[in-house]
């Protein structure tokens, strides 16, 4: 790799790279410290915006070295013990590379950096078989593997790997829908997005059952994929990225090609049609209008195994709005953001589920050892408690769409509203003994004893709002 190089432990001849704790104190040491998803959601706010460019680069390249099955690890655990049980970390990694290239002077040079691949093949076991590849090659492989389709069972599946998961949960199938271009994956036995609570109570009967599988096409993953494709098309046109198509083999053994533009345009064409829930009188073409609980929102997923899950109002579509605003009809987007404000917005965070939903419970208690399966052992972690990091994406989405919908007057009103909201976070920071923002709160902003008192992505995503506002 080009200079500067990360420091090296001369005794063991290993690189000494900065890593990011997901939160303190629960996610600070050991295998629970380095989460791929958390790291790359927080990377822009905690490394790029403050100008810590070298450390951001090392983290991007370090995780790239662990790519396997076209995925970035959920839990890094030193690389050699990495676990590939999430579908979204690779897309947050790609978003971080895009942010790096956008913010860092001459940032596109990272694409020519060498990456030491620990797993150049899915079945690579011996570190001696590692190879060096350019980052741009690794990026292309990640996308190619998704288009071709990925199916695998986690290595060392069983109790010693995950004492809570059922056997079927270790099986992974991920791909891209040929008609819509939407990335899909998962099953009802695992939980491959950030809403990853796995039931663990034998007494209540939720052990081995994910609270929020979110299989199918999760809305934020579709948005992150679209963002990556749009950016790579631009980079290719500017001469910074060499690939513009993928060579694929069909099920009948024929060869075919898909271009970045083809994939990008499919998502653009189908997103509003598949995800927007308009007024009930407008749901003629929706496959399950009887499952609609709220209108004027975007679905949380598309083609989930549990069909009702698609229609739940959650805090995930504003993430897609912030990273890929071109997917959204501005009037629809503004109306959906209004619903978020009226239904989900809390004092510090955003409800993870509509309070009118049958599964809602806004009080998270991980020590609950009762017989109610909806809350036992914290089963409702993402079923109502108010998380802080999605607040940043909601506020950024509002700032983007305000002027498109209502011109300068609405934009100025929105800026004032955003400032009022984040002033609450500033006040919280002044009294926090950790000098930070928590992972989550219980309903209506109530203190949650099982939340990390300071969480990386909570801090980072609010810093992104301030960064966006500095350029207004």
Foldseek 3Di string as FASTA:
>chain_A
DDDDDADADVVVRHGDADAAAQFPPPRPDAQSGHALQSCLLQCCQPQLVVPVLVNLLCVLLQQLQLQALLAGFGGCRVSLPGWGQADASSLSSLVSLLSQCVRPVVSLCQQQDKHFHCPPYNPRNDSVPTDIDGNLVSNVVSVQSQAQKGWDFIPPDDCVVPVQADRVSRIKIWHADPQQLATFIWAQQAARHPQGDQDCAPLQPRGSGALQNQGAGFQLSLLSLLLSLVSQVVCVVVVSHVAFKYWYADPVGDIDIDGSVNSNVSNLVCQCVFWAFAPLVPCPPPPCSVLADDHLATFRHGPHPPVSNRRWDALRNLSSCLSHVSSDDLVSLVSRLVCQVVFFDALAFTFGTGPVDPLADQAFDLPANDNNSSHHNRSCVRRTWGFQLSVLSSLSSLLVSQCVVPNPVSNVVSVVVLVVSCVSVVVVLVPQPVSADWGTDGPRRHHHPPIRRHGSSNSRSNSVNVVVVVVD
